[in-house]
Amino acid sequence: MTESQEKKPVCPICGKPVDPACAPFCSKRCANVDLHRWLTGSYSIAGEKIDDEDLPPPRDDDENT
């Protein structure tokens, strides 16, 4: 494949060419659209659903509390 035939990366949100400053997106706007989709639960990672009952209880010696 020659350089002119090489596939250029495109934004996963809108399909425009990627801007290296915002990679893998074309703009800050598309990066924010993607972030919004993650934060609102539009995206998810496949796996088994875990009920809260199945989680171990929190430790008393946690440094973050």
PDB file of N, CA and C in Angstrom:
ATOM      1  N   MET A   1       0.843  -1.174   0.000  1.00  0.00           N
ATOM      2  CA  MET A   1       0.000   0.000   0.000  1.00  0.00           C
ATOM      3  C   MET A   1       0.890   1.238   0.000  1.00  0.00           C
ATOM      4  N   THR A   2       0.601   2.169  -0.863  1.00  0.00           N
ATOM      5  CA  THR A   2       1.387   3.395  -0.897  1.00  0.00           C
ATOM      6  C   THR A   2       0.887   4.359   0.160  1.00  0.00           C
ATOM      7  N   GLU A   3       1.667   5.390   0.409  1.00  0.00           N
ATOM      8  CA  GLU A   3       1.319   6.368   1.443  1.00  0.00           C
ATOM      9  C   GLU A   3      -0.017   7.053   1.136  1.00  0.00           C
ATOM     10  N   SER A   4      -0.301   7.325  -0.129  1.00  0.00           N
ATOM     11  CA  SER A   4      -1.553   7.997  -0.483  1.00  0.00           C
ATOM     12  C   SER A   4      -2.758   7.066  -0.307  1.00  0.00           C
ATOM     13  N   GLN A   5      -2.533   5.744  -0.358  1.00  0.00           N
ATOM     14  CA  GLN A   5      -3.609   4.777  -0.174  1.00  0.00           C
ATOM     15  C   GLN A   5      -3.772   4.371   1.292  1.00  0.00           C
ATOM     16  N   GLU A   6      -2.843   4.785   2.138  1.00  0.00           N
ATOM     17  CA  GLU A   6      -2.879   4.418   3.545  1.00  0.00           C
ATOM     18  C   GLU A   6      -4.108   5.027   4.211  1.00  0.00           C
ATOM     19  N   LYS A   7      -4.779   4.221   5.055  1.00  0.00           N
ATOM     20  CA  LYS A   7      -5.973   4.721   5.742  1.00  0.00           C
ATOM     21  C   LYS A   7      -5.579   5.704   6.823  1.00  0.00           C
ATOM     22  N   LYS A   8      -6.212   6.850   6.812  1.00  0.00           N
ATOM     23  CA  LYS A   8      -5.997   7.864   7.845  1.00  0.00           C
ATOM     24  C   LYS A   8      -6.985   7.586   8.967  1.00  0.00           C
ATOM     25  N   PRO A   9      -6.574   7.795  10.217  1.00  0.00           N
ATOM     26  CA  PRO A   9      -7.520   7.567  11.316  1.00  0.00           C
ATOM     27  C   PRO A   9      -8.655   8.590  11.276  1.00  0.00           C
ATOM     28  N   VAL A  10      -9.845   8.110  11.637  1.00  0.00           N
ATOM     29  CA  VAL A  10     -11.005   8.991  11.658  1.00  0.00           C
ATOM     30  C   VAL A  10     -11.619   9.002  13.055  1.00  0.00           C
ATOM     31  N   CYS A  11     -12.309  10.066  13.357  1.00  0.00           N
ATOM     32  CA  CYS A  11     -12.972  10.255  14.643  1.00  0.00           C
ATOM     33  C   CYS A  11     -14.070   9.196  14.807  1.00  0.00           C
ATOM     34  N   PRO A  12     -14.112   8.500  15.949  1.00  0.00           N
ATOM     35  CA  PRO A  12     -15.145   7.481  16.149  1.00  0.00           C
ATOM     36  C   PRO A  12     -16.545   8.080  16.354  1.00  0.00           C
ATOM     37  N   ILE A  13     -16.639   9.370  16.604  1.00  0.00           N
ATOM     38  CA  ILE A  13     -17.931  10.015  16.826  1.00  0.00           C
ATOM     39  C   ILE A  13     -18.545  10.507  15.517  1.00  0.00           C
ATOM     40  N   CYS A  14     -17.758  11.247  14.718  1.00  0.00           N
ATOM     41  CA  CYS A  14     -18.327  11.863  13.516  1.00  0.00           C
ATOM     42  C   CYS A  14     -17.709  11.395  12.204  1.00  0.00           C
ATOM     43  N   GLY A  15     -16.553  10.719  12.259  1.00  0.00           N
ATOM     44  CA  GLY A  15     -15.930  10.211  11.038  1.00  0.00           C
ATOM     45  C   GLY A  15     -14.990  11.171  10.341  1.00  0.00           C
ATOM     46  N   LYS A  16     -14.798  12.371  10.889  1.00  0.00           N
ATOM     47  CA  LYS A  16     -13.858  13.331  10.303  1.00  0.00           C
ATOM     48  C   LYS A  16     -12.427  12.906  10.625  1.00  0.00           C
ATOM     49  N   PRO A  17     -11.434  13.429   9.901  1.00  0.00           N
ATOM     50  CA  PRO A  17     -10.027  13.085  10.200  1.00  0.00           C
ATOM     51  C   PRO A  17      -9.649  13.494  11.630  1.00  0.00           C
ATOM     52  N   VAL A  18      -8.804  12.696  12.247  1.00  0.00           N
ATOM     53  CA  VAL A  18      -8.370  12.927  13.628  1.00  0.00           C
ATOM     54  C   VAL A  18      -7.432  14.120  13.708  1.00  0.00           C
ATOM     55  N   ASP A  19      -7.630  14.942  14.719  1.00  0.00           N
ATOM     56  CA  ASP A  19      -6.721  16.050  15.029  1.00  0.00           C
ATOM     57  C   ASP A  19      -5.756  15.518  16.085  1.00  0.00           C
ATOM     58  N   PRO A  20      -4.447  15.519  15.824  1.00  0.00           N
ATOM     59  CA  PRO A  20      -3.492  14.981  16.795  1.00  0.00           C
ATOM     60  C   PRO A  20      -3.618  15.594  18.192  1.00  0.00           C
ATOM     61  N   ALA A  21      -4.057  16.837  18.291  1.00  0.00           N
ATOM     62  CA  ALA A  21      -4.218  17.483  19.594  1.00  0.00           C
ATOM     63  C   ALA A  21      -5.381  16.893  20.377  1.00  0.00           C
ATOM     64  N   CYS A  22      -6.321  16.249  19.687  1.00  0.00           N
ATOM     65  CA  CYS A  22      -7.517  15.692  20.344  1.00  0.00           C
ATOM     66  C   CYS A  22      -7.652  14.191  20.131  1.00  0.00           C
ATOM     67  N   ALA A  23      -6.602  13.558  19.645  1.00  0.00           N
ATOM     68  CA  ALA A  23      -6.652  12.137  19.297  1.00  0.00           C
ATOM     69  C   ALA A  23      -7.248  11.328  20.437  1.00  0.00           C
ATOM     70  N   PRO A  24      -8.085  10.378  20.146  1.00  0.00           N
ATOM     71  CA  PRO A  24      -8.469   9.845  18.830  1.00  0.00           C
ATOM     72  C   PRO A  24      -9.667  10.541  18.206  1.00  0.00           C
ATOM     73  N   PHE A  25      -9.960  11.750  18.639  1.00  0.00           N
ATOM     74  CA  PHE A  25     -11.113  12.488  18.128  1.00  0.00           C
ATOM     75  C   PHE A  25     -10.658  13.606  17.198  1.00  0.00           C
ATOM     76  N   CYS A  26     -11.643  14.225  16.500  1.00  0.00           N
ATOM     77  CA  CYS A  26     -11.316  15.313  15.584  1.00  0.00           C
ATOM     78  C   CYS A  26     -11.349  16.658  16.293  1.00  0.00           C
ATOM     79  N   SER A  27     -12.027  16.720  17.437  1.00  0.00           N
ATOM     80  CA  SER A  27     -12.174  17.991  18.140  1.00  0.00           C
ATOM     81  C   SER A  27     -12.480  17.737  19.612  1.00  0.00           C
ATOM     82  N   LYS A  28     -12.384  18.801  20.398  1.00  0.00           N
ATOM     83  CA  LYS A  28     -12.740  18.730  21.810  1.00  0.00           C
ATOM     84  C   LYS A  28     -14.224  18.409  21.956  1.00  0.00           C
ATOM     85  N   ARG A  29     -15.039  18.913  21.032  1.00  0.00           N
ATOM     86  CA  ARG A  29     -16.477  18.648  21.089  1.00  0.00           C
ATOM     87  C   ARG A  29     -16.754  17.148  21.014  1.00  0.00           C
ATOM     88  N   CYS A  30     -16.133  16.453  20.063  1.00  0.00           N
ATOM     89  CA  CYS A  30     -16.355  15.009  19.931  1.00  0.00           C
ATOM     90  C   CYS A  30     -15.807  14.255  21.147  1.00  0.00           C
ATOM     91  N   ALA A  31     -14.698  14.726  21.712  1.00  0.00           N
ATOM     92  CA  ALA A  31     -14.169  14.113  22.929  1.00  0.00           C
ATOM     93  C   ALA A  31     -15.184  14.259  24.060  1.00  0.00           C
ATOM     94  N   ASN A  32     -15.835  15.424  24.157  1.00  0.00           N
ATOM     95  CA  ASN A  32     -16.836  15.650  25.193  1.00  0.00           C
ATOM     96  C   ASN A  32     -18.098  14.821  24.963  1.00  0.00           C
ATOM     97  N   VAL A  33     -18.484  14.625  23.720  1.00  0.00           N
ATOM     98  CA  VAL A  33     -19.624  13.764  23.404  1.00  0.00           C
ATOM     99  C   VAL A  33     -19.333  12.349  23.889  1.00  0.00           C
ATOM    100  N   ASP A  34     -18.132  11.862  23.622  1.00  0.00           N
ATOM    101  CA  ASP A  34     -17.738  10.523  24.053  1.00  0.00           C
ATOM    102  C   ASP A  34     -17.743  10.422  25.577  1.00  0.00           C
ATOM    103  N   LEU A  35     -17.177  11.411  26.263  1.00  0.00           N
ATOM    104  CA  LEU A  35     -17.158  11.417  27.720  1.00  0.00           C
ATOM    105  C   LEU A  35     -18.578  11.401  28.273  1.00  0.00           C
ATOM    106  N   HIS A  36     -19.463  12.208  27.704  1.00  0.00           N
ATOM    107  CA  HIS A  36     -20.857  12.251  28.140  1.00  0.00           C
ATOM    108  C   HIS A  36     -21.512  10.879  28.003  1.00  0.00           C
ATOM    109  N   ARG A  37     -21.232  10.189  26.918  1.00  0.00           N
ATOM    110  CA  ARG A  37     -21.810   8.855  26.712  1.00  0.00           C
ATOM    111  C   ARG A  37     -21.332   7.873  27.780  1.00  0.00           C
ATOM    112  N   TRP A  38     -20.068   7.964  28.174  1.00  0.00           N
ATOM    113  CA  TRP A  38     -19.563   7.099  29.249  1.00  0.00           C
ATOM    114  C   TRP A  38     -20.220   7.453  30.574  1.00  0.00           C
ATOM    115  N   LEU A  39     -20.302   8.741  30.885  1.00  0.00           N
ATOM    116  CA  LEU A  39     -20.817   9.171  32.185  1.00  0.00           C
ATOM    117  C   LEU A  39     -22.308   8.923  32.353  1.00  0.00           C
ATOM    118  N   THR A  40     -23.053   8.903  31.265  1.00  0.00           N
ATOM    119  CA  THR A  40     -24.493   8.669  31.364  1.00  0.00           C
ATOM    120  C   THR A  40     -24.867   7.206  31.198  1.00  0.00           C
ATOM    121  N   GLY A  41     -23.877   6.341  30.983  1.00  0.00           N
ATOM    122  CA  GLY A  41     -24.158   4.914  30.874  1.00  0.00           C
ATOM    123  C   GLY A  41     -24.549   4.450  29.487  1.00  0.00           C
ATOM    124  N   SER A  42     -24.381   5.305  28.476  1.00  0.00           N
ATOM    125  CA  SER A  42     -24.684   4.881  27.109  1.00  0.00           C
ATOM    126  C   SER A  42     -23.714   3.798  26.642  1.00  0.00           C
ATOM    127  N   TYR A  43     -22.489   3.870  27.119  1.00  0.00           N
ATOM    128  CA  TYR A  43     -21.493   2.838  26.829  1.00  0.00           C
ATOM    129  C   TYR A  43     -21.396   1.925  28.044  1.00  0.00           C
ATOM    130  N   SER A  44     -21.011   0.706  27.794  1.00  0.00           N
ATOM    131  CA  SER A  44     -20.761  -0.201  28.907  1.00  0.00           C
ATOM    132  C   SER A  44     -19.711  -1.216  28.474  1.00  0.00           C
ATOM    133  N   ILE A  45     -19.101  -1.819  29.448  1.00  0.00           N
ATOM    134  CA  ILE A  45     -18.094  -2.847  29.197  1.00  0.00           C
ATOM    135  C   ILE A  45     -18.750  -4.190  29.474  1.00  0.00           C
ATOM    136  N   ALA A  46     -18.640  -5.102  28.532  1.00  0.00           N
ATOM    137  CA  ALA A  46     -19.278  -6.410  28.680  1.00  0.00           C
ATOM    138  C   ALA A  46     -18.699  -7.171  29.863  1.00  0.00           C
ATOM    139  N   GLY A  47     -19.548  -7.884  30.522  1.00  0.00           N
ATOM    140  CA  GLY A  47     -19.130  -8.710  31.652  1.00  0.00           C
ATOM    141  C   GLY A  47     -20.343  -9.118  32.451  1.00  0.00           C
ATOM    142  N   GLU A  48     -20.106  -9.939  33.443  1.00  0.00           N
ATOM    143  CA  GLU A  48     -21.198 -10.387  34.292  1.00  0.00           C
ATOM    144  C   GLU A  48     -21.614  -9.271  35.241  1.00  0.00           C
ATOM    145  N   LYS A  49     -22.909  -9.138  35.439  1.00  0.00           N
ATOM    146  CA  LYS A  49     -23.420  -8.132  36.362  1.00  0.00           C
ATOM    147  C   LYS A  49     -23.152  -8.623  37.789  1.00  0.00           C
ATOM    148  N   ILE A  50     -22.653  -7.728  38.620  1.00  0.00           N
ATOM    149  CA  ILE A  50     -22.354  -8.055  40.011  1.00  0.00           C
ATOM    150  C   ILE A  50     -23.326  -7.296  40.897  1.00  0.00           C
ATOM    151  N   ASP A  51     -24.033  -8.020  41.735  1.00  0.00           N
ATOM    152  CA  ASP A  51     -24.932  -7.384  42.693  1.00  0.00           C
ATOM    153  C   ASP A  51     -24.119  -6.819  43.844  1.00  0.00           C
ATOM    154  N   ASP A  52     -24.627  -5.738  44.447  1.00  0.00           N
ATOM    155  CA  ASP A  52     -23.947  -5.147  45.600  1.00  0.00           C
ATOM    156  C   ASP A  52     -23.779  -6.159  46.724  1.00  0.00           C
ATOM    157  N   GLU A  53     -24.701  -7.105  46.824  1.00  0.00           N
ATOM    158  CA  GLU A  53     -24.627  -8.128  47.873  1.00  0.00           C
ATOM    159  C   GLU A  53     -23.396  -9.011  47.710  1.00  0.00           C
ATOM    160  N   ASP A  54     -22.927  -9.164  46.475  1.00  0.00           N
ATOM    161  CA  ASP A  54     -21.784 -10.032  46.201  1.00  0.00           C
ATOM    162  C   ASP A  54     -20.447  -9.349  46.465  1.00  0.00           C
ATOM    163  N   LEU A  55     -20.454  -8.030  46.677  1.00  0.00           N
ATOM    164  CA  LEU A  55     -19.211  -7.300  46.919  1.00  0.00           C
ATOM    165  C   LEU A  55     -18.772  -7.481  48.371  1.00  0.00           C
ATOM    166  N   PRO A  56     -17.477  -7.520  48.618  1.00  0.00           N
ATOM    167  CA  PRO A  56     -17.013  -7.623  50.003  1.00  0.00           C
ATOM    168  C   PRO A  56     -17.321  -6.335  50.751  1.00  0.00           C
ATOM    169  N   PRO A  57     -17.493  -6.420  52.068  1.00  0.00           N
ATOM    170  CA  PRO A  57     -17.770  -5.202  52.832  1.00  0.00           C
ATOM    171  C   PRO A  57     -16.563  -4.277  52.815  1.00  0.00           C
ATOM    172  N   PRO A  58     -16.778  -2.952  52.943  1.00  0.00           N
ATOM    173  CA  PRO A  58     -15.644  -2.020  52.960  1.00  0.00           C
ATOM    174  C   PRO A  58     -14.773  -2.271  54.187  1.00  0.00           C
ATOM    175  N   ARG A  59     -13.477  -2.062  54.003  1.00  0.00           N
ATOM    176  CA  ARG A  59     -12.534  -2.263  55.106  1.00  0.00           C
ATOM    177  C   ARG A  59     -12.488  -1.015  55.979  1.00  0.00           C
ATOM    178  N   ASP A  60     -12.317  -1.208  57.286  1.00  0.00           N
ATOM    179  CA  ASP A  60     -12.245  -0.089  58.215  1.00  0.00           C
ATOM    180  C   ASP A  60     -10.917   0.667  58.093  1.00  0.00           C
ATOM    181  N   ASP A  61      -9.875  -0.006  57.656  1.00  0.00           N
ATOM    182  CA  ASP A  61      -8.556   0.621  57.597  1.00  0.00           C
ATOM    183  C   ASP A  61      -8.277   1.281  56.251  1.00  0.00           C
ATOM    184  N   ASP A  62      -9.334   1.550  55.461  1.00  0.00           N
ATOM    185  CA  ASP A  62      -9.162   2.231  54.181  1.00  0.00           C
ATOM    186  C   ASP A  62      -8.567   3.617  54.400  1.00  0.00           C
ATOM    187  N   GLU A  63      -7.543   3.960  53.640  1.00  0.00           N
ATOM    188  CA  GLU A  63      -6.902   5.266  53.769  1.00  0.00           C
ATOM    189  C   GLU A  63      -7.740   6.366  53.132  1.00  0.00           C
ATOM    190  N   ASN A  64      -8.679   6.021  52.262  1.00  0.00           N
ATOM    191  CA  ASN A  64      -9.468   7.018  51.538  1.00  0.00           C
ATOM    192  C   ASN A  64     -10.685   7.512  52.318  1.00  0.00           C
ATOM    193  N   THR A  65     -10.912   7.039  53.522  1.00  0.00           N
ATOM    194  CA  THR A  65     -12.096   7.472  54.266  1.00  0.00           C
ATOM    195  C   THR A  65     -11.753   8.515  55.285  1.00  0.00           C
TER     196      THR A  65
END
